[in-house]
Amino acid sequence: MKTSRPYYAVIFTSRLNPETDGYHDMAKKMEDLAKKQPGYLGFESAREKLGISISYWESLDAIDRWKSHAEHQFAQEMGIKQWYKWYKVRVCEVQRDYDFSGK
């Protein structure tokens, strides 16, 4: 993901309940659906005891459209009712990025 202007990151940090039936399938479905949304730029995720998922977007409007997408709202409801013990969402503006790629 390369972009020359500021863009936005949605950082979703969570802890799961012990019972997670259907969670991983829904997470994959939401990742695939997000990729089709206007303004989507990318996604990164890691999970052990603490889950961290970061999606990248061109604008705050694109984030708002994704948040209000009907299928995404259903997944959010399922998360609250069934899968998550706790979660936190942070929306950040990314002013710059850089990386290192080893030899």
Protein backbone atom coordinates (compact mmCIF):
# COMPACT_ATOMS: atom_id res chain seq x y z
CA MET A 1 0.00 0.00 0.00
CA LYS A 2 1.65 3.20 -1.18
CA THR A 3 0.03 6.61 -0.95
CA SER A 4 1.58 10.05 -1.09
CA ARG A 5 -1.07 11.95 0.85
CA PRO A 6 -2.37 11.53 4.38
CA TYR A 7 -4.82 8.66 4.81
CA TYR A 8 -6.66 7.09 7.74
CA ALA A 9 -6.22 4.01 9.87
CA VAL A 10 -8.94 2.32 11.91
CA ILE A 11 -7.28 0.38 14.73
CA PHE A 12 -9.53 -2.29 16.24
CA THR A 13 -8.10 -3.85 19.40
CA SER A 14 -10.03 -6.69 21.06
CA ARG A 15 -10.16 -9.61 23.45
CA LEU A 16 -12.34 -12.58 22.54
CA ASN A 17 -14.69 -14.55 24.74
CA PRO A 18 -13.83 -18.25 25.15
CA GLU A 19 -16.66 -19.22 22.76
CA THR A 20 -15.87 -18.04 19.22
CA ASP A 21 -17.98 -20.27 16.96
CA GLY A 22 -18.39 -18.51 13.63
CA TYR A 23 -15.99 -15.67 14.49
CA HIS A 24 -13.16 -16.57 12.12
CA ASP A 25 -15.51 -17.12 9.18
CA MET A 26 -17.16 -13.75 9.81
CA ALA A 27 -13.79 -12.00 10.17
CA LYS A 28 -12.71 -13.37 6.78
CA LYS A 29 -16.03 -12.38 5.22
CA MET A 30 -15.69 -8.83 6.57
CA GLU A 31 -12.11 -8.55 5.31
CA ASP A 32 -13.20 -9.67 1.83
CA LEU A 33 -16.18 -7.27 1.87
CA ALA A 34 -14.07 -4.32 3.09
CA LYS A 35 -11.71 -4.81 0.12
CA LYS A 36 -14.63 -4.07 -2.22
CA GLN A 37 -15.56 -0.77 -0.55
CA PRO A 38 -14.75 2.59 -2.14
CA GLY A 39 -11.80 4.21 -0.37
CA TYR A 40 -10.36 0.96 1.02
CA LEU A 41 -6.55 0.90 0.97
CA GLY A 42 -5.43 -2.15 2.96
CA PHE A 43 -5.64 -4.36 6.04
CA GLU A 44 -3.27 -5.87 8.65
CA SER A 45 -4.14 -8.13 11.57
CA ALA A 46 -2.55 -10.12 14.38
CA ARG A 47 -4.16 -12.18 17.13
CA GLU A 48 -2.89 -14.02 20.14
CA LYS A 49 -4.28 -13.01 23.53
CA LEU A 50 -4.95 -9.53 22.18
CA GLY A 51 -6.26 -9.00 18.66
CA ILE A 52 -5.19 -5.98 16.64
CA SER A 53 -6.71 -5.29 13.24
CA ILE A 54 -5.93 -2.18 11.25
CA SER A 55 -7.78 -1.13 8.14
CA TYR A 56 -6.60 1.76 5.98
CA TRP A 57 -8.89 4.21 4.19
CA GLU A 58 -8.66 7.21 1.87
CA SER A 59 -11.08 9.36 3.88
CA LEU A 60 -13.25 9.66 6.96
CA ASP A 61 -16.28 9.41 4.67
CA ALA A 62 -15.07 6.02 3.42
CA ILE A 63 -14.72 4.87 7.05
CA ASP A 64 -18.23 6.10 7.88
CA ARG A 65 -19.68 4.28 4.85
CA TRP A 66 -17.94 1.06 5.93
CA LYS A 67 -19.12 1.42 9.53
CA SER A 68 -22.74 1.82 8.34
CA HIS A 69 -22.64 -1.03 5.76
CA ALA A 70 -25.51 -3.41 6.62
CA GLU A 71 -23.42 -6.61 6.63
CA HIS A 72 -20.71 -4.92 8.69
CA GLN A 73 -23.33 -3.71 11.19
CA PHE A 74 -24.60 -7.28 11.53
CA ALA A 75 -21.04 -8.49 12.22
CA GLN A 76 -20.61 -5.72 14.81
CA GLU A 77 -23.82 -6.81 16.58
CA MET A 78 -22.66 -10.45 16.61
CA GLY A 79 -19.33 -9.34 18.05
CA ILE A 80 -21.00 -7.48 20.90
CA LYS A 81 -23.51 -10.24 21.63
CA GLN A 82 -21.28 -13.27 21.23
CA TRP A 83 -17.58 -12.95 20.43
CA TYR A 84 -15.95 -9.99 22.18
CA LYS A 85 -15.12 -9.68 25.84
CA TRP A 86 -13.80 -6.18 25.14
CA TYR A 87 -12.86 -3.98 22.21
CA LYS A 88 -11.65 -0.49 21.41
CA VAL A 89 -11.67 1.42 18.11
CA ARG A 90 -9.27 4.23 17.25
CA VAL A 91 -9.45 6.30 14.06
CA CYS A 92 -6.16 7.98 13.19
CA GLU A 93 -4.83 10.17 10.42
CA VAL A 94 -1.57 8.81 9.01
CA GLN A 95 0.69 11.69 8.04
CA ARG A 96 3.51 9.55 6.69
CA ASP A 97 4.74 5.98 6.62
CA TYR A 98 7.95 4.18 5.79
CA ASP A 99 9.22 0.63 5.98
CA PHE A 100 12.28 -1.55 5.86
CA SER A 101 12.58 -4.64 3.76
CA GLY A 102 15.53 -6.89 4.59
CA LYS A 103 17.83 -8.42 2.01
